[in-house]
Amino acid sequence: MITRELVKSEIDLVEERYLETLRNIIQQFQQLPAAMLSVSVRSPTNQAHHLERLDLASRSPTYAGSD
């Protein structure tokens, strides 16, 4: 039987995989020459996440938050 808890658990797993992929992408960007980038992506739950400013020269991404 599919329960609310099971569905939430599955969504949490997908979200964690998505965030791990996003962290890997950020690490790959950090390998590039210094630049300013603006990246906007959507999570599996269709929530917008914005990396408003990714300052690769300082190697420290700054996050604007979520919509």
PDB file of N, CA and C in Angstrom:
ATOM      1  N   MET A   1       0.839  -1.187   0.000  1.00  0.00           N
ATOM      2  CA  MET A   1       0.000   0.000   0.000  1.00  0.00           C
ATOM      3  C   MET A   1       0.883   1.249   0.000  1.00  0.00           C
ATOM      4  N   ILE A   2       0.550   2.191  -0.835  1.00  0.00           N
ATOM      5  CA  ILE A   2       1.309   3.437  -0.914  1.00  0.00           C
ATOM      6  C   ILE A   2       0.787   4.391   0.161  1.00  0.00           C
ATOM      7  N   THR A   3       1.694   4.814   1.002  1.00  0.00           N
ATOM      8  CA  THR A   3       1.323   5.729   2.071  1.00  0.00           C
ATOM      9  C   THR A   3       1.946   7.091   1.828  1.00  0.00           C
ATOM     10  N   ARG A   4       1.417   8.075   2.513  1.00  0.00           N
ATOM     11  CA  ARG A   4       1.960   9.432   2.412  1.00  0.00           C
ATOM     12  C   ARG A   4       3.434   9.451   2.805  1.00  0.00           C
ATOM     13  N   GLU A   5       3.792   8.691   3.829  1.00  0.00           N
ATOM     14  CA  GLU A   5       5.183   8.649   4.288  1.00  0.00           C
ATOM     15  C   GLU A   5       6.109   8.050   3.234  1.00  0.00           C
ATOM     16  N   LEU A   6       5.630   7.015   2.542  1.00  0.00           N
ATOM     17  CA  LEU A   6       6.424   6.392   1.490  1.00  0.00           C
ATOM     18  C   LEU A   6       6.662   7.366   0.345  1.00  0.00           C
ATOM     19  N   VAL A   7       5.614   8.075  -0.054  1.00  0.00           N
ATOM     20  CA  VAL A   7       5.744   9.053  -1.131  1.00  0.00           C
ATOM     21  C   VAL A   7       6.710  10.158  -0.725  1.00  0.00           C
ATOM     22  N   LYS A   8       6.580  10.660   0.500  1.00  0.00           N
ATOM     23  CA  LYS A   8       7.478  11.706   0.976  1.00  0.00           C
ATOM     24  C   LYS A   8       8.911  11.202   1.018  1.00  0.00           C
ATOM     25  N   SER A   9       9.110   9.975   1.429  1.00  0.00           N
ATOM     26  CA  SER A   9      10.446   9.380   1.468  1.00  0.00           C
ATOM     27  C   SER A   9      11.064   9.325   0.073  1.00  0.00           C
ATOM     28  N   GLU A  10      10.268   8.929  -0.909  1.00  0.00           N
ATOM     29  CA  GLU A  10      10.760   8.862  -2.287  1.00  0.00           C
ATOM     30  C   GLU A  10      11.101  10.257  -2.815  1.00  0.00           C
ATOM     31  N   ILE A  11      10.272  11.228  -2.523  1.00  0.00           N
ATOM     32  CA  ILE A  11      10.542  12.602  -2.952  1.00  0.00           C
ATOM     33  C   ILE A  11      11.823  13.107  -2.301  1.00  0.00           C
ATOM     34  N   ASP A  12      12.009  12.804  -1.028  1.00  0.00           N
ATOM     35  CA  ASP A  12      13.233  13.222  -0.332  1.00  0.00           C
ATOM     36  C   ASP A  12      14.472  12.610  -0.986  1.00  0.00           C
ATOM     37  N   LEU A  13      14.389  11.347  -1.385  1.00  0.00           N
ATOM     38  CA  LEU A  13      15.525  10.700  -2.044  1.00  0.00           C
ATOM     39  C   LEU A  13      15.847  11.361  -3.382  1.00  0.00           C
ATOM     40  N   VAL A  14      14.826  11.646  -4.156  1.00  0.00           N
ATOM     41  CA  VAL A  14      15.033  12.306  -5.453  1.00  0.00           C
ATOM     42  C   VAL A  14      15.623  13.691  -5.238  1.00  0.00           C
ATOM     43  N   GLU A  15      15.103  14.411  -4.264  1.00  0.00           N
ATOM     44  CA  GLU A  15      15.606  15.755  -3.972  1.00  0.00           C
ATOM     45  C   GLU A  15      17.070  15.696  -3.554  1.00  0.00           C
ATOM     46  N   GLU A  16      17.449  14.728  -2.758  1.00  0.00           N
ATOM     47  CA  GLU A  16      18.849  14.605  -2.322  1.00  0.00           C
ATOM     48  C   GLU A  16      19.757  14.304  -3.510  1.00  0.00           C
ATOM     49  N   ARG A  17      19.302  13.431  -4.413  1.00  0.00           N
ATOM     50  CA  ARG A  17      20.095  13.150  -5.623  1.00  0.00           C
ATOM     51  C   ARG A  17      20.243  14.399  -6.481  1.00  0.00           C
ATOM     52  N   TYR A  18      19.167  15.158  -6.595  1.00  0.00           N
ATOM     53  CA  TYR A  18      19.209  16.415  -7.350  1.00  0.00           C
ATOM     54  C   TYR A  18      20.228  17.385  -6.736  1.00  0.00           C
ATOM     55  N   LEU A  19      20.192  17.545  -5.423  1.00  0.00           N
ATOM     56  CA  LEU A  19      21.115  18.466  -4.759  1.00  0.00           C
ATOM     57  C   LEU A  19      22.559  17.995  -4.906  1.00  0.00           C
ATOM     58  N   GLU A  20      22.788  16.709  -4.856  1.00  0.00           N
ATOM     59  CA  GLU A  20      24.135  16.175  -5.055  1.00  0.00           C
ATOM     60  C   GLU A  20      24.617  16.471  -6.482  1.00  0.00           C
ATOM     61  N   THR A  21      23.732  16.305  -7.453  1.00  0.00           N
ATOM     62  CA  THR A  21      24.085  16.628  -8.840  1.00  0.00           C
ATOM     63  C   THR A  21      24.411  18.110  -8.970  1.00  0.00           C
ATOM     64  N   LEU A  22      23.618  18.948  -8.329  1.00  0.00           N
ATOM     65  CA  LEU A  22      23.866  20.389  -8.368  1.00  0.00           C
ATOM     66  C   LEU A  22      25.218  20.728  -7.737  1.00  0.00           C
ATOM     67  N   ARG A  23      25.544  20.087  -6.632  1.00  0.00           N
ATOM     68  CA  ARG A  23      26.861  20.307  -6.003  1.00  0.00           C
ATOM     69  C   ARG A  23      27.982  19.890  -6.952  1.00  0.00           C
ATOM     70  N   ASN A  24      27.799  18.793  -7.666  1.00  0.00           N
ATOM     71  CA  ASN A  24      28.809  18.350  -8.629  1.00  0.00           C
ATOM     72  C   ASN A  24      28.968  19.356  -9.770  1.00  0.00           C
ATOM     73  N   ILE A  25      27.851  19.910 -10.226  1.00  0.00           N
ATOM     74  CA  ILE A  25      27.915  20.919 -11.289  1.00  0.00           C
ATOM     75  C   ILE A  25      28.678  22.142 -10.800  1.00  0.00           C
ATOM     76  N   ILE A  26      28.407  22.577  -9.591  1.00  0.00           N
ATOM     77  CA  ILE A  26      29.119  23.732  -9.029  1.00  0.00           C
ATOM     78  C   ILE A  26      30.612  23.445  -8.959  1.00  0.00           C
ATOM     79  N   GLN A  27      30.970  22.248  -8.532  1.00  0.00           N
ATOM     80  CA  GLN A  27      32.395  21.890  -8.462  1.00  0.00           C
ATOM     81  C   GLN A  27      33.027  21.927  -9.847  1.00  0.00           C
ATOM     82  N   GLN A  28      32.307  21.480 -10.867  1.00  0.00           N
ATOM     83  CA  GLN A  28      32.837  21.521 -12.230  1.00  0.00           C
ATOM     84  C   GLN A  28      32.999  22.959 -12.703  1.00  0.00           C
ATOM     85  N   PHE A  29      32.039  23.838 -12.368  1.00  0.00           N
ATOM     86  CA  PHE A  29      32.166  25.248 -12.714  1.00  0.00           C
ATOM     87  C   PHE A  29      33.405  25.851 -12.067  1.00  0.00           C
ATOM     88  N   GLN A  30      33.704  25.396 -10.867  1.00  0.00           N
ATOM     89  CA  GLN A  30      34.839  25.955 -10.143  1.00  0.00           C
ATOM     90  C   GLN A  30      36.165  25.574 -10.788  1.00  0.00           C
ATOM     91  N   GLN A  31      36.150  24.614 -11.671  1.00  0.00           N
ATOM     92  CA  GLN A  31      37.355  24.230 -12.402  1.00  0.00           C
ATOM     93  C   GLN A  31      37.615  25.155 -13.588  1.00  0.00           C
ATOM     94  N   LEU A  32      36.599  25.918 -13.971  1.00  0.00           N
ATOM     95  CA  LEU A  32      36.719  26.824 -15.109  1.00  0.00           C
ATOM     96  C   LEU A  32      37.472  28.091 -14.709  1.00  0.00           C
ATOM     97  N   PRO A  33      37.950  28.856 -15.689  1.00  0.00           N
ATOM     98  CA  PRO A  33      38.578  30.139 -15.372  1.00  0.00           C
ATOM     99  C   PRO A  33      37.599  31.043 -14.618  1.00  0.00           C
ATOM    100  N   ALA A  34      38.143  31.973 -13.845  1.00  0.00           N
ATOM    101  CA  ALA A  34      37.312  32.867 -13.034  1.00  0.00           C
ATOM    102  C   ALA A  34      36.276  33.583 -13.905  1.00  0.00           C
ATOM    103  N   ALA A  35      35.050  33.620 -13.427  1.00  0.00           N
ATOM    104  CA  ALA A  35      33.959  34.268 -14.163  1.00  0.00           C
ATOM    105  C   ALA A  35      32.785  34.484 -13.218  1.00  0.00           C
ATOM    106  N   MET A  36      31.874  35.280 -13.654  1.00  0.00           N
ATOM    107  CA  MET A  36      30.630  35.462 -12.915  1.00  0.00           C
ATOM    108  C   MET A  36      29.525  34.773 -13.717  1.00  0.00           C
ATOM    109  N   LEU A  37      28.769  33.951 -13.057  1.00  0.00           N
ATOM    110  CA  LEU A  37      27.711  33.210 -13.731  1.00  0.00           C
ATOM    111  C   LEU A  37      26.387  33.422 -13.006  1.00  0.00           C
ATOM    112  N   SER A  38      25.314  33.292 -13.723  1.00  0.00           N
ATOM    113  CA  SER A  38      23.987  33.283 -13.135  1.00  0.00           C
ATOM    114  C   SER A  38      23.314  32.005 -13.596  1.00  0.00           C
ATOM    115  N   VAL A  39      22.921  31.175 -12.652  1.00  0.00           N
ATOM    116  CA  VAL A  39      22.349  29.874 -12.981  1.00  0.00           C
ATOM    117  C   VAL A  39      20.992  29.754 -12.304  1.00  0.00           C
ATOM    118  N   SER A  40      20.019  29.296 -13.043  1.00  0.00           N
ATOM    119  CA  SER A  40      18.700  29.066 -12.487  1.00  0.00           C
ATOM    120  C   SER A  40      18.275  27.655 -12.874  1.00  0.00           C
ATOM    121  N   VAL A  41      17.909  26.865 -11.896  1.00  0.00           N
ATOM    122  CA  VAL A  41      17.512  25.484 -12.156  1.00  0.00           C
ATOM    123  C   VAL A  41      16.220  25.176 -11.405  1.00  0.00           C
ATOM    124  N   ARG A  42      15.589  24.105 -11.783  1.00  0.00           N
ATOM    125  CA  ARG A  42      14.375  23.666 -11.092  1.00  0.00           C
ATOM    126  C   ARG A  42      14.625  22.287 -10.485  1.00  0.00           C
ATOM    127  N   SER A  43      14.181  22.143  -9.269  1.00  0.00           N
ATOM    128  CA  SER A  43      14.333  20.874  -8.577  1.00  0.00           C
ATOM    129  C   SER A  43      13.282  19.891  -9.089  1.00  0.00           C
ATOM    130  N   PRO A  44      13.419  18.610  -8.732  1.00  0.00           N
ATOM    131  CA  PRO A  44      12.422  17.611  -9.160  1.00  0.00           C
ATOM    132  C   PRO A  44      11.010  17.966  -8.677  1.00  0.00           C
ATOM    133  N   THR A  45      10.905  18.739  -7.607  1.00  0.00           N
ATOM    134  CA  THR A  45       9.584  19.141  -7.117  1.00  0.00           C
ATOM    135  C   THR A  45       9.159  20.463  -7.740  1.00  0.00           C
ATOM    136  N   ASN A  46       9.884  20.891  -8.785  1.00  0.00           N
ATOM    137  CA  ASN A  46       9.576  22.092  -9.565  1.00  0.00           C
ATOM    138  C   ASN A  46       9.758  23.375  -8.765  1.00  0.00           C
ATOM    139  N   GLN A  47      10.574  23.323  -7.733  1.00  0.00           N
ATOM    140  CA  GLN A  47      10.881  24.522  -6.965  1.00  0.00           C
ATOM    141  C   GLN A  47      12.089  25.194  -7.607  1.00  0.00           C
ATOM    142  N   ALA A  48      11.981  26.484  -7.830  1.00  0.00           N
ATOM    143  CA  ALA A  48      13.080  27.209  -8.474  1.00  0.00           C
ATOM    144  C   ALA A  48      14.199  27.454  -7.471  1.00  0.00           C
ATOM    145  N   HIS A  49      15.411  27.187  -7.884  1.00  0.00           N
ATOM    146  CA  HIS A  49      16.597  27.480  -7.088  1.00  0.00           C
ATOM    147  C   HIS A  49      17.486  28.364  -7.942  1.00  0.00           C
ATOM    148  N   HIS A  50      17.942  29.436  -7.371  1.00  0.00           N
ATOM    149  CA  HIS A  50      18.764  30.365  -8.129  1.00  0.00           C
ATOM    150  C   HIS A  50      20.140  30.473  -7.497  1.00  0.00           C
ATOM    151  N   LEU A  51      21.149  30.294  -8.305  1.00  0.00           N
ATOM    152  CA  LEU A  51      22.505  30.627  -7.890  1.00  0.00           C
ATOM    153  C   LEU A  51      22.740  31.992  -8.527  1.00  0.00           C
ATOM    154  N   GLU A  52      22.328  33.033  -7.826  1.00  0.00           N
ATOM    155  CA  GLU A  52      22.350  34.368  -8.401  1.00  0.00           C
ATOM    156  C   GLU A  52      23.754  34.790  -8.791  1.00  0.00           C
ATOM    157  N   ARG A  53      24.698  34.465  -7.942  1.00  0.00           N
ATOM    158  CA  ARG A  53      26.056  34.879  -8.231  1.00  0.00           C
ATOM    159  C   ARG A  53      26.977  33.751  -7.824  1.00  0.00           C
ATOM    160  N   LEU A  54      27.757  33.291  -8.743  1.00  0.00           N
ATOM    161  CA  LEU A  54      28.730  32.248  -8.461  1.00  0.00           C
ATOM    162  C   LEU A  54      30.086  32.860  -8.749  1.00  0.00           C
ATOM    163  N   ASP A  55      30.745  33.315  -7.707  1.00  0.00           N
ATOM    164  CA  ASP A  55      32.021  33.995  -7.858  1.00  0.00           C
ATOM    165  C   ASP A  55      33.115  32.942  -7.861  1.00  0.00           C
ATOM    166  N   LEU A  56      33.517  32.548  -9.065  1.00  0.00           N
ATOM    167  CA  LEU A  56      34.455  31.447  -9.192  1.00  0.00           C
ATOM    168  C   LEU A  56      35.867  31.852  -8.796  1.00  0.00           C
ATOM    169  N   ALA A  57      36.165  33.130  -8.847  1.00  0.00           N
ATOM    170  CA  ALA A  57      37.508  33.566  -8.467  1.00  0.00           C
ATOM    171  C   ALA A  57      37.752  33.296  -6.983  1.00  0.00           C
ATOM    172  N   SER A  58      36.730  33.506  -6.175  1.00  0.00           N
ATOM    173  CA  SER A  58      36.890  33.280  -4.738  1.00  0.00           C
ATOM    174  C   SER A  58      36.495  31.864  -4.341  1.00  0.00           C
ATOM    175  N   ARG A  59      35.974  31.104  -5.309  1.00  0.00           N
ATOM    176  CA  ARG A  59      35.556  29.716  -5.065  1.00  0.00           C
ATOM    177  C   ARG A  59      34.438  29.622  -4.015  1.00  0.00           C
ATOM    178  N   SER A  60      33.653  30.687  -3.868  1.00  0.00           N
ATOM    179  CA  SER A  60      32.579  30.628  -2.883  1.00  0.00           C
ATOM    180  C   SER A  60      31.254  31.022  -3.527  1.00  0.00           C
ATOM    181  N   PRO A  61      30.393  30.046  -3.810  1.00  0.00           N
ATOM    182  CA  PRO A  61      29.100  30.374  -4.402  1.00  0.00           C
ATOM    183  C   PRO A  61      28.222  31.103  -3.388  1.00  0.00           C
ATOM    184  N   THR A  62      27.460  32.065  -3.866  1.00  0.00           N
ATOM    185  CA  THR A  62      26.494  32.736  -3.010  1.00  0.00           C
ATOM    186  C   THR A  62      25.114  32.418  -3.548  1.00  0.00           C
ATOM    187  N   TYR A  63      24.216  32.060  -2.665  1.00  0.00           N
ATOM    188  CA  TYR A  63      22.893  31.614  -3.050  1.00  0.00           C
ATOM    189  C   TYR A  63      21.870  32.687  -2.714  1.00  0.00           C
ATOM    190  N   ALA A  64      21.006  32.973  -3.670  1.00  0.00           N
ATOM    191  CA  ALA A  64      19.968  33.968  -3.426  1.00  0.00           C
ATOM    192  C   ALA A  64      18.788  33.349  -2.696  1.00  0.00           C
ATOM    193  N   GLY A  65      18.691  32.060  -2.715  1.00  0.00           N
ATOM    194  CA  GLY A  65      17.585  31.389  -2.047  1.00  0.00           C
ATOM    195  C   GLY A  65      16.648  30.738  -3.038  1.00  0.00           C
ATOM    196  N   SER A  66      15.447  30.440  -2.583  1.00  0.00           N
ATOM    197  CA  SER A  66      14.460  29.746  -3.406  1.00  0.00           C
ATOM    198  C   SER A  66      13.219  30.590  -3.536  1.00  0.00           C
ATOM    199  N   ASP A  67      12.521  30.384  -4.636  1.00  0.00           N
ATOM    200  CA  ASP A  67      11.238  31.076  -4.839  1.00  0.00           C
ATOM    201  C   ASP A  67      10.173  30.394  -4.022  1.00  0.00           C
TER     202      ASP A  67
END
